[in-house]
Amino acid sequence: MTVRVDWRVSCSLVGTILKWLSVPLLIPLALALYDRADVVPFLLTIGVTVAVGALLERLADERDLGTREAFLMVALTWLSVALVGAIPFVAAGDGALAHPVNALFESMSGITTTGATAAVDFSVHSRAVLLWRQLIQWLGGLGILILATAILSQLGVAGAQLMETETQTRNVNRLTPKISHTARLLWGLYVGLTLLLIAILAGLGLVGAAPNMTLFDAVAHAFTTVSTSGFSPRPESLGAFAPIVQWVTTLFMALGATSFVLIYLVLQGNVERLYESDEFRFYVAILGLFSLVVVAILFSDATYAGDVERTIRHGVFQVVSITTTTGYATVDFNTWSASAKHLLFICMFIGGMAGSTTCSIKALRWLIVLKGFRRDLFVASHPAVVKPVRLSGDVIDEQTIRDVYAYTLVSLVFFIGTTVFLVVDSSRVGFQITEFEAMGAAAATFFNIGPGFGVAGPYETYEVFPESTKVAMILLMWIGRIEIIPVLVLLTPSYWRS
């Protein structure tokens, strides 16, 4: 067999990205110096990152990135960054995260913006380690993709190739003529939203509206809100803060799950794009409908009897948090009724808009599935009629519809298979888990949600799962974040052959 994929090019470009990863590592290093905490974990990681990156860069002199090389680069980038991200946890040697499997679980959960944690006691970790935990989630939102795209554009390599491969979307350079310019615009918007949220949260703390909101908390939670990630340095998550903080966070979670291209166009004055976008209207309708139903259930169950604002706040927050795949919590929704928990479970499969920081199947695919199914029902009774599927007035080609059907089906098959594995593997080692808890944990890791139900609930830890299960979950988070296709493509013999 003749290998037709230039893997050296892919690895060389991954090396360039790893070298640049040493820059954000300076942030927790600076905090460690300020706090007079241990700086070795970050100095070691910077050294390893630069050295390995430099070695990988030397694998290829000319770096011509084709479609096949882009698929390999995408898969290797997320995997290698997760491996590097785990080094500070192991090197610090504190708590459950000192174990290599737990450290890799935490790092993969971070970089894939999952938010599932293997940490047990947050108090044993320095602020620098906790900040690194938050920072890798921010990098995993749009950061890694935009960084890679910008680097490739500077190298003269087709950055659009990587962006389209990672997001599984086409025509990404419609926003601007140059993909490098697009990367800078999206990066600026991402940074701008993060800084805005830091300012708001820190301001609430300064004026006394959120008494325990420190500058560190503001930065940490802004990183993982805009990136719809869900890590918190507080064991109570957002439940540790005042109601105003939870309402503000709800808004920014929804913004993080909105298409960044759409946000940019609106900021440019094209407000009508909100009304013209079928996907945006569908996304908002989903958030509104599920929030209304969950709140109604909480009222009927008298979960927070007599407190109207609290009931509405917790219901809306959890729906937005789960639907946008952020995974924050304001309460332990394990204590909610079965009907409320099952609705949250359904929210795990939805996701936000395409072109955002969110994960899961995404609202766009569900909208295409619904429109396609409605068209098929119409054509079944009117076989002579040709009826195209339209999205925001544009006709969707049939290949795209088939791709969406296939991706949705494969995602659900993966979820079912993972659920079966969790039940069987847990039973093998005598770990008790119910079918619903297994379904929640499978959806939470594969769709990069974070918290599930029961033993994987919002105030629980994944550290209790068997090591074999955690290794499987690490792979699931990786596969789910890059949307299955790049990994499955690598497993096909035709990918490696002519």
Protein backbone atom coordinates (compact mmCIF):
# COMPACT_ATOMS: atom_id res chain seq x y z
CA MET A 1 0.00 0.00 0.00
CA THR A 2 1.33 3.46 -0.95
CA VAL A 3 0.53 6.12 1.62
CA ARG A 4 -0.82 9.23 -0.11
CA VAL A 5 -1.13 11.41 2.98
CA ASP A 6 1.81 13.65 3.81
CA TRP A 7 1.64 13.14 7.56
CA ARG A 8 4.90 15.03 8.01
CA VAL A 9 3.19 18.24 6.87
CA SER A 10 0.35 17.72 9.34
CA CYS A 11 2.71 17.01 12.24
CA SER A 12 4.95 19.95 11.31
CA LEU A 13 2.01 22.36 11.44
CA VAL A 14 0.86 20.86 14.75
CA GLY A 15 4.37 21.60 16.03
CA THR A 16 3.95 25.28 15.12
CA ILE A 17 0.69 25.44 17.07
CA LEU A 18 2.29 23.72 20.08
CA LYS A 19 5.10 26.28 20.11
CA TRP A 20 2.53 29.09 20.22
CA LEU A 21 0.77 27.32 23.09
CA SER A 22 3.68 28.38 25.28
CA VAL A 23 2.36 31.97 25.13
CA PRO A 24 -0.90 31.43 27.07
CA LEU A 25 1.08 29.34 29.57
CA LEU A 26 2.77 32.58 30.63
CA ILE A 27 -0.52 33.77 32.18
CA PRO A 28 -0.78 31.14 34.94
CA LEU A 29 3.02 31.34 35.32
CA ALA A 30 2.68 35.06 36.08
CA LEU A 31 -0.08 34.37 38.61
CA ALA A 32 2.05 31.69 40.27
CA LEU A 33 4.89 34.19 40.61
CA TYR A 34 2.50 36.79 42.04
CA ASP A 35 1.06 34.31 44.56
CA ARG A 36 4.53 32.89 45.30
CA ALA A 37 3.18 29.47 44.36
CA ASP A 38 5.00 26.63 42.59
CA VAL A 39 6.10 27.74 39.12
CA VAL A 40 7.73 24.43 38.12
CA PRO A 41 4.57 22.93 36.54
CA PHE A 42 4.33 25.83 34.09
CA LEU A 43 8.05 26.20 33.37
CA LEU A 44 8.20 22.45 32.68
CA THR A 45 5.17 22.60 30.39
CA ILE A 46 6.54 25.58 28.47
CA GLY A 47 9.84 23.76 27.99
CA VAL A 48 8.15 20.57 26.79
CA THR A 49 5.80 22.48 24.48
CA VAL A 50 8.54 24.50 22.82
CA ALA A 51 10.90 21.51 22.49
CA VAL A 52 8.31 19.11 21.08
CA GLY A 53 6.89 21.82 18.84
CA ALA A 54 10.31 22.63 17.43
CA LEU A 55 11.06 18.96 16.75
CA LEU A 56 7.73 18.44 14.98
CA GLU A 57 8.24 21.59 12.89
CA ARG A 58 11.44 20.11 11.43
CA LEU A 59 9.56 17.15 9.93
CA ALA A 60 8.70 19.11 6.79
CA ASP A 61 10.35 22.01 5.00
CA GLU A 62 7.51 22.78 2.61
CA ARG A 63 4.08 22.67 4.21
CA ASP A 64 1.38 22.33 1.58
CA LEU A 65 -1.84 21.52 3.45
CA GLY A 66 -4.30 19.51 1.37
CA THR A 67 -7.70 18.20 2.41
CA ARG A 68 -6.33 14.91 3.74
CA GLU A 69 -3.55 16.62 5.66
CA ALA A 70 -6.12 19.05 7.14
CA PHE A 71 -8.18 16.17 8.55
CA LEU A 72 -5.08 14.67 10.16
CA MET A 73 -3.93 18.03 11.49
CA VAL A 74 -7.31 18.78 13.09
CA ALA A 75 -7.38 15.44 14.93
CA LEU A 76 -3.75 15.67 16.05
CA THR A 77 -4.03 19.31 17.15
CA TRP A 78 -6.84 18.70 19.65
CA LEU A 79 -5.17 15.52 20.91
CA SER A 80 -1.70 17.02 21.32
CA VAL A 81 -2.97 20.19 23.03
CA ALA A 82 -4.90 18.02 25.51
CA LEU A 83 -1.74 16.03 26.27
CA VAL A 84 0.26 19.21 26.88
CA GLY A 85 -2.57 20.68 28.93
CA ALA A 86 -2.42 17.76 31.35
CA ILE A 87 1.24 18.33 32.28
CA PRO A 88 0.68 21.14 34.85
CA PHE A 89 -1.90 19.02 36.71
CA VAL A 90 0.48 16.06 37.02
CA ALA A 91 3.53 18.20 37.75
CA ALA A 92 1.71 20.12 40.50
CA GLY A 93 1.00 16.80 42.20
CA ASP A 94 -2.08 17.98 44.07
CA GLY A 95 -5.31 16.09 44.65
CA ALA A 96 -7.00 13.70 42.24
CA LEU A 97 -5.63 15.55 39.20
CA ALA A 98 -2.10 14.36 40.02
CA HIS A 99 -3.11 10.97 38.57
CA PRO A 100 -2.22 10.94 34.84
CA VAL A 101 -5.60 9.57 33.70
CA ASN A 102 -7.49 12.15 35.74
CA ALA A 103 -5.15 14.90 34.50
CA LEU A 104 -5.69 13.92 30.86
CA PHE A 105 -9.45 13.65 31.50
CA GLU A 106 -9.45 17.18 32.96
CA SER A 107 -7.32 18.57 30.14
CA MET A 108 -9.35 16.91 27.39
CA SER A 109 -12.54 18.06 29.09
CA GLY A 110 -11.07 21.55 29.15
CA ILE A 111 -9.77 21.87 25.61
CA THR A 112 -12.95 20.29 24.16
CA THR A 113 -15.04 22.71 26.29
CA THR A 114 -16.83 19.79 27.92
CA GLY A 115 -16.66 20.88 31.55
CA ALA A 116 -16.78 17.40 33.09
CA THR A 117 -14.34 17.37 35.98
CA ALA A 118 -12.29 14.70 37.73
CA ALA A 119 -11.27 17.12 40.48
CA VAL A 120 -12.46 16.30 44.00
CA ASP A 121 -11.17 19.05 46.29
CA PHE A 122 -10.65 22.44 44.62
CA SER A 123 -9.00 23.90 47.73
CA VAL A 124 -5.82 21.82 47.28
CA HIS A 125 -4.99 23.50 43.97
CA SER A 126 -3.19 26.82 43.61
CA ARG A 127 -4.94 29.70 41.86
CA ALA A 128 -2.45 29.35 39.01
CA VAL A 129 -3.42 25.72 38.37
CA LEU A 130 -7.12 26.62 38.59
CA LEU A 131 -6.56 29.50 36.14
CA TRP A 132 -4.83 27.15 33.70
CA ARG A 133 -7.86 24.88 34.00
CA GLN A 134 -10.08 27.83 33.01
CA LEU A 135 -7.73 29.07 30.31
CA ILE A 136 -7.56 25.81 28.37
CA GLN A 137 -11.35 25.93 28.07
CA TRP A 138 -11.19 29.45 26.68
CA LEU A 139 -8.56 28.32 24.19
CA GLY A 140 -10.76 25.39 23.24
CA GLY A 141 -13.77 27.59 22.45
CA LEU A 142 -12.71 29.45 19.33
CA GLY A 143 -9.12 29.96 20.40
CA ILE A 144 -7.36 26.90 18.99
CA LEU A 145 -9.24 27.09 15.68
CA ILE A 146 -8.64 30.80 15.19
CA LEU A 147 -5.01 30.56 16.32
CA ALA A 148 -4.34 27.71 13.91
CA THR A 149 -6.10 29.52 11.07
CA ALA A 150 -4.18 32.73 11.67
CA ILE A 151 -0.85 30.86 11.85
CA LEU A 152 -1.54 28.94 8.65
CA SER A 153 -2.53 32.13 6.86
CA GLN A 154 0.75 33.77 7.88
CA LEU A 155 2.60 30.73 6.55
CA GLY A 156 0.82 30.98 3.24
CA VAL A 157 -1.12 27.79 3.92
CA ALA A 158 -4.84 27.58 3.24
CA GLY A 159 -6.34 28.42 6.61
CA ALA A 160 -9.84 27.98 5.19
CA GLN A 161 -9.05 24.31 4.66
CA LEU A 162 -8.54 23.83 8.39
CA MET A 163 -11.54 25.92 9.42
CA GLU A 164 -13.89 24.08 7.08
CA THR A 165 -12.53 20.70 8.16
CA GLU A 166 -12.90 21.47 11.87
CA THR A 167 -16.36 23.05 11.64
CA GLN A 168 -17.69 20.83 8.86
CA THR A 169 -19.04 23.93 7.08
CA ARG A 170 -18.33 25.46 3.71
CA ASN A 171 -17.65 28.96 2.43
CA VAL A 172 -16.12 30.16 5.69
CA ASN A 173 -14.43 33.07 3.91
CA ARG A 174 -17.68 34.77 2.94
CA LEU A 175 -17.22 37.20 5.83
CA THR A 176 -14.08 38.77 4.35
CA PRO A 177 -12.07 38.15 1.15
CA LYS A 178 -9.10 36.81 3.14
CA ILE A 179 -9.31 33.99 5.67
CA SER A 180 -6.57 35.65 7.74
CA HIS A 181 -8.73 38.76 8.05
CA THR A 182 -11.69 36.60 9.04
CA ALA A 183 -9.59 34.92 11.73
CA ARG A 184 -8.55 38.30 13.15
CA LEU A 185 -12.14 39.57 13.19
CA LEU A 186 -13.45 36.48 14.97
CA TRP A 187 -10.53 36.53 17.39
CA GLY A 188 -11.18 40.18 18.18
CA LEU A 189 -14.88 39.50 18.77
CA TYR A 190 -14.08 36.51 21.00
CA VAL A 191 -11.58 38.50 23.07
CA GLY A 192 -13.92 41.50 23.18
CA LEU A 193 -16.86 39.51 24.58
CA THR A 194 -14.56 37.94 27.16
CA LEU A 195 -13.19 41.31 28.29
CA LEU A 196 -16.71 42.76 28.43
CA LEU A 197 -17.89 39.97 30.70
CA ILE A 198 -14.79 40.32 32.92
CA ALA A 199 -15.57 44.02 33.30
CA ILE A 200 -19.24 43.38 34.14
CA LEU A 201 -18.55 40.64 36.68
CA ALA A 202 -15.68 42.50 38.32
CA GLY A 203 -17.83 45.64 38.41
CA LEU A 204 -20.64 43.78 40.15
CA GLY A 205 -18.15 42.67 42.76
CA LEU A 206 -16.77 46.18 43.27
CA VAL A 207 -20.18 47.83 43.74
CA GLY A 208 -21.30 45.14 46.17
CA ALA A 209 -23.97 43.57 43.95
CA ALA A 210 -21.97 40.32 44.02
CA PRO A 211 -20.02 40.45 47.29
CA ASN A 212 -17.87 37.34 46.75
CA MET A 213 -17.05 38.03 43.10
CA THR A 214 -13.31 38.69 43.05
CA LEU A 215 -11.26 39.74 40.02
CA PHE A 216 -9.93 36.18 39.82
CA ASP A 217 -13.49 34.80 39.80
CA ALA A 218 -14.50 37.33 37.15
CA VAL A 219 -11.64 36.32 34.84
CA ALA A 220 -12.07 32.60 35.49
CA HIS A 221 -15.81 32.57 34.79
CA ALA A 222 -15.60 34.91 31.79
CA PHE A 223 -13.14 32.47 30.19
CA THR A 224 -15.54 29.55 30.54
CA THR A 225 -18.81 31.41 29.85
CA VAL A 226 -18.03 32.97 26.48
CA SER A 227 -16.45 29.67 25.41
CA THR A 228 -19.58 27.80 26.64
CA SER A 229 -17.31 25.46 28.58
CA GLY A 230 -18.47 25.27 32.19
CA PHE A 231 -15.42 24.83 34.40
CA SER A 232 -15.57 26.85 37.60
CA PRO A 233 -12.93 27.23 40.34
CA ARG A 234 -15.80 27.10 42.81
CA PRO A 235 -17.22 23.69 43.84
CA GLU A 236 -20.73 25.26 43.87
CA SER A 237 -20.26 26.51 40.28
CA LEU A 238 -22.42 29.60 39.62
CA GLY A 239 -24.48 28.73 42.68
CA ALA A 240 -21.74 30.45 44.70
CA PHE A 241 -22.73 33.87 43.40
CA ALA A 242 -25.59 36.36 43.62
CA PRO A 243 -28.65 36.10 41.32
CA ILE A 244 -27.48 39.07 39.20
CA VAL A 245 -24.32 37.15 38.30
CA GLN A 246 -26.40 34.16 37.23
CA TRP A 247 -28.63 36.31 35.00
CA VAL A 248 -25.63 37.99 33.36
CA THR A 249 -23.98 34.62 32.83
CA THR A 250 -27.17 33.29 31.23
CA LEU A 251 -27.05 36.08 28.65
CA PHE A 252 -23.40 35.52 27.81
CA MET A 253 -23.84 31.73 27.56
CA ALA A 254 -26.54 32.38 24.96
CA LEU A 255 -24.23 34.83 23.15
CA GLY A 256 -21.37 32.32 23.15
CA ALA A 257 -23.64 29.79 21.47
CA THR A 258 -24.71 32.30 18.81
CA SER A 259 -22.92 32.35 15.46
CA PHE A 260 -19.97 34.72 15.77
CA VAL A 261 -20.37 35.71 12.13
CA LEU A 262 -23.98 36.72 12.88
CA ILE A 263 -22.88 38.69 15.96
CA TYR A 264 -20.25 40.49 13.87
CA LEU A 265 -22.79 41.41 11.18
CA VAL A 266 -25.22 42.73 13.79
CA LEU A 267 -22.46 44.85 15.35
CA GLN A 268 -21.81 46.23 11.88
CA GLY A 269 -25.40 47.48 11.81
CA ASN A 270 -27.06 44.60 9.96
CA VAL A 271 -29.66 43.99 12.67
CA GLU A 272 -32.11 42.64 10.09
CA ARG A 273 -29.91 39.53 9.79
CA LEU A 274 -31.37 38.37 13.11
CA TYR A 275 -34.86 38.31 11.62
CA GLU A 276 -33.69 36.83 8.33
CA SER A 277 -31.81 33.94 9.94
CA ASP A 278 -34.02 30.86 10.24
CA GLU A 279 -31.37 29.24 12.41
CA PHE A 280 -31.26 32.12 14.91
CA ARG A 281 -35.05 32.21 15.24
CA PHE A 282 -35.11 28.44 15.73
CA TYR A 283 -32.33 28.64 18.33
CA VAL A 284 -34.09 31.37 20.33
CA ALA A 285 -37.41 29.51 20.06
CA ILE A 286 -35.80 26.34 21.46
CA LEU A 287 -34.32 28.21 24.43
CA GLY A 288 -37.63 29.97 25.09
CA LEU A 289 -39.82 26.89 24.76
CA PHE A 290 -37.73 24.59 26.95
CA SER A 291 -37.21 27.32 29.55
CA LEU A 292 -40.96 27.91 29.72
CA VAL A 293 -41.75 24.21 30.13
CA VAL A 294 -39.04 23.56 32.75
CA VAL A 295 -40.08 26.61 34.76
CA ALA A 296 -43.71 25.46 34.57
CA ILE A 297 -42.70 22.02 35.89
CA LEU A 298 -40.75 23.60 38.77
CA PHE A 299 -43.77 25.72 39.66
CA SER A 300 -46.11 22.71 39.53
CA ASP A 301 -43.75 20.69 41.71
CA ALA A 302 -43.37 23.62 44.13
CA THR A 303 -39.60 22.99 43.95
CA TYR A 304 -38.90 26.53 45.17
CA ALA A 305 -42.26 27.24 46.77
CA GLY A 306 -43.21 30.89 47.03
CA ASP A 307 -40.08 32.26 45.33
CA VAL A 308 -41.08 33.21 41.78
CA GLU A 309 -37.79 34.85 40.75
CA ARG A 310 -35.71 31.95 42.04
CA THR A 311 -37.84 29.39 40.22
CA ILE A 312 -37.63 31.26 36.92
CA ARG A 313 -33.91 31.94 37.31
CA HIS A 314 -32.91 28.35 38.04
CA GLY A 315 -35.15 26.95 35.31
CA VAL A 316 -33.96 29.35 32.61
CA PHE A 317 -30.31 29.12 33.68
CA GLN A 318 -30.16 25.32 33.54
CA VAL A 319 -31.93 25.13 30.17
CA VAL A 320 -29.56 27.69 28.63
CA SER A 321 -26.53 26.09 30.30
CA ILE A 322 -27.31 22.58 29.04
CA THR A 323 -28.61 23.59 25.58
CA THR A 324 -25.54 25.73 24.88
CA THR A 325 -23.36 22.84 26.20
CA THR A 326 -21.83 25.15 28.84
CA GLY A 327 -22.62 22.93 31.80
CA TYR A 328 -22.68 25.47 34.63
CA ALA A 329 -25.07 24.86 37.50
CA THR A 330 -26.80 27.12 40.00
CA VAL A 331 -28.45 24.25 41.89
CA ASP A 332 -28.17 20.48 42.09
CA PHE A 333 -30.79 19.58 39.47
CA ASN A 334 -30.39 15.96 40.56
CA THR A 335 -33.02 16.87 43.15
CA TRP A 336 -35.55 17.99 40.50
CA SER A 337 -38.47 15.85 39.41
CA ALA A 338 -38.03 13.19 36.74
CA SER A 339 -39.94 15.25 34.15
CA ALA A 340 -37.67 18.29 34.62
CA LYS A 341 -34.51 16.16 34.44
CA HIS A 342 -35.70 14.39 31.29
CA LEU A 343 -36.29 17.73 29.59
CA LEU A 344 -32.75 18.78 30.48
CA PHE A 345 -31.58 15.46 29.05
CA ILE A 346 -33.27 16.30 25.73
CA CYS A 347 -31.55 19.71 25.76
CA MET A 348 -28.19 17.90 25.66
CA PHE A 349 -28.82 16.85 22.06
CA ILE A 350 -29.61 20.31 20.69
CA GLY A 351 -26.64 22.66 21.00
CA GLY A 352 -26.33 26.25 19.84
CA MET A 353 -25.76 27.73 16.40
CA ALA A 354 -23.15 26.66 13.87
CA GLY A 355 -20.11 28.93 13.89
CA SER A 356 -20.22 29.38 17.66
CA THR A 357 -18.26 27.90 20.55
CA THR A 358 -20.98 25.34 21.29
CA CYS A 359 -20.90 21.58 20.75
CA SER A 360 -23.56 18.82 20.42
CA ILE A 361 -25.53 18.25 17.19
CA LYS A 362 -26.35 21.99 16.84
CA ALA A 363 -29.58 23.82 16.05
CA LEU A 364 -28.73 24.19 12.36
CA ARG A 365 -28.66 20.44 11.76
CA TRP A 366 -31.92 19.88 13.64
CA LEU A 367 -33.56 22.65 11.61
CA ILE A 368 -32.41 21.05 8.35
CA VAL A 369 -33.61 17.64 9.55
CA LEU A 370 -37.05 19.06 10.38
CA LYS A 371 -37.34 20.99 7.13
CA GLY A 372 -36.15 17.98 5.13
CA PHE A 373 -38.59 15.65 6.88
CA ARG A 374 -41.47 18.06 6.28
CA ARG A 375 -40.48 18.24 2.59
CA ASP A 376 -40.37 14.44 2.38
CA LEU A 377 -43.86 14.16 3.86
CA PHE A 378 -45.18 16.67 1.32
CA VAL A 379 -43.50 14.95 -1.62
CA ALA A 380 -44.85 11.57 -0.45
CA SER A 381 -48.39 12.81 -1.15
CA HIS A 382 -47.39 14.94 -4.17
CA PRO A 383 -44.83 12.79 -6.03
CA ALA A 384 -44.82 15.01 -9.13
CA VAL A 385 -43.79 18.11 -7.18
CA VAL A 386 -40.18 19.25 -6.88
CA LYS A 387 -39.91 21.04 -3.53
CA PRO A 388 -36.45 22.25 -2.43
CA VAL A 389 -35.49 22.74 1.20
CA ARG A 390 -34.77 26.40 1.96
CA LEU A 391 -32.89 27.98 4.83
CA SER A 392 -33.18 31.75 5.26
CA GLY A 393 -34.42 31.93 1.68
CA ASP A 394 -31.51 29.97 0.18
CA VAL A 395 -31.92 26.49 -1.31
CA ILE A 396 -29.97 23.78 0.50
CA ASP A 397 -28.37 21.31 -1.89
CA GLU A 398 -29.32 17.67 -1.49
CA GLN A 399 -25.76 16.59 -0.68
CA THR A 400 -25.76 18.88 2.36
CA ILE A 401 -29.10 17.45 3.51
CA ARG A 402 -27.77 13.92 3.19
CA ASP A 403 -24.61 14.90 5.11
CA VAL A 404 -26.74 16.35 7.92
CA TYR A 405 -28.91 13.21 8.06
CA ALA A 406 -25.79 11.04 8.16
CA TYR A 407 -24.07 13.09 10.88
CA THR A 408 -27.17 13.15 13.07
CA LEU A 409 -27.63 9.40 12.69
CA VAL A 410 -23.97 8.63 13.41
CA SER A 411 -24.08 10.89 16.49
CA LEU A 412 -27.08 9.06 17.90
CA VAL A 413 -25.49 5.67 17.16
CA PHE A 414 -22.32 6.77 18.97
CA PHE A 415 -24.41 7.90 21.92
CA ILE A 416 -26.29 4.59 22.13
CA GLY A 417 -23.09 2.58 21.84
CA THR A 418 -21.40 4.67 24.52
CA THR A 419 -24.33 4.21 26.88
CA VAL A 420 -24.13 0.44 26.51
CA PHE A 421 -20.38 0.52 27.10
CA LEU A 422 -20.75 2.59 30.28
CA VAL A 423 -23.30 0.17 31.73
CA VAL A 424 -21.26 -2.93 30.82
CA ASP A 425 -17.90 -1.51 31.93
CA SER A 426 -19.28 -0.22 35.22
CA SER A 427 -20.91 -3.56 35.92
CA ARG A 428 -17.62 -5.32 35.16
CA VAL A 429 -15.85 -3.57 38.05
CA GLY A 430 -18.84 -3.46 40.39
CA PHE A 431 -19.50 0.27 39.97
CA GLN A 432 -23.19 1.01 40.44
CA ILE A 433 -24.80 3.16 37.75
CA THR A 434 -28.38 3.27 36.50
CA GLU A 435 -29.33 3.31 32.82
CA PHE A 436 -30.43 6.96 33.01
CA GLU A 437 -27.18 7.95 34.71
CA ALA A 438 -25.24 6.11 31.98
CA MET A 439 -27.26 7.89 29.27
CA GLY A 440 -26.59 11.24 30.92
CA ALA A 441 -22.86 10.59 31.28
CA ALA A 442 -22.61 9.36 27.68
CA ALA A 443 -24.40 12.43 26.32
CA ALA A 444 -22.45 14.75 28.64
CA THR A 445 -19.05 13.56 27.43
CA PHE A 446 -19.73 12.80 23.76
CA PHE A 447 -21.72 16.00 23.16
CA ASN A 448 -19.29 17.97 25.39
CA ILE A 449 -21.94 19.10 27.89
CA GLY A 450 -20.16 18.41 31.20
CA PRO A 451 -22.59 17.49 33.97
CA GLY A 452 -24.98 14.59 33.68
CA PHE A 453 -27.26 13.04 36.27
CA GLY A 454 -26.80 11.00 39.43
CA VAL A 455 -23.14 10.07 39.94
CA ALA A 456 -22.22 12.42 37.07
CA GLY A 457 -24.42 15.25 38.36
CA PRO A 458 -23.52 18.96 38.48
CA TYR A 459 -22.00 18.81 41.97
CA GLU A 460 -20.40 15.39 41.54
CA THR A 461 -17.08 14.29 40.01
CA TYR A 462 -16.17 11.89 37.21
CA GLU A 463 -13.20 10.74 39.29
CA VAL A 464 -15.41 7.97 40.72
CA PHE A 465 -15.75 6.25 37.35
CA PRO A 466 -13.47 3.27 36.54
CA GLU A 467 -10.24 4.18 34.78
CA SER A 468 -11.23 2.24 31.66
CA THR A 469 -14.45 4.25 31.50
CA LYS A 470 -12.57 7.53 31.91
CA VAL A 471 -10.18 6.60 29.10
CA ALA A 472 -13.18 5.88 26.86
CA MET A 473 -14.71 9.22 27.87
CA ILE A 474 -11.46 11.00 26.98
CA LEU A 475 -11.69 9.58 23.48
CA LEU A 476 -15.39 10.44 23.28
CA MET A 477 -14.79 14.07 24.22
CA TRP A 478 -12.09 14.29 21.56
CA ILE A 479 -14.21 12.68 18.86
CA GLY A 480 -17.28 14.71 19.79
CA ARG A 481 -15.47 18.07 19.78
CA ILE A 482 -14.14 17.67 16.25
CA GLU A 483 -17.55 16.38 15.16
CA ILE A 484 -16.74 12.73 14.44
CA ILE A 485 -15.95 13.07 10.74
CA PRO A 486 -12.19 13.87 10.92
CA VAL A 487 -11.62 10.87 13.21
CA LEU A 488 -13.78 8.47 11.16
CA VAL A 489 -12.06 9.61 7.96
CA LEU A 490 -8.69 8.67 9.44
CA LEU A 491 -9.99 5.14 10.10
CA THR A 492 -10.94 4.47 6.48
CA PRO A 493 -8.32 2.66 4.33
CA SER A 494 -9.23 4.84 1.33
CA TYR A 495 -8.02 7.93 3.22
CA TRP A 496 -4.46 6.57 3.29
CA ARG A 497 -4.48 5.17 -0.23
CA SER A 498 -4.59 6.81 -3.62
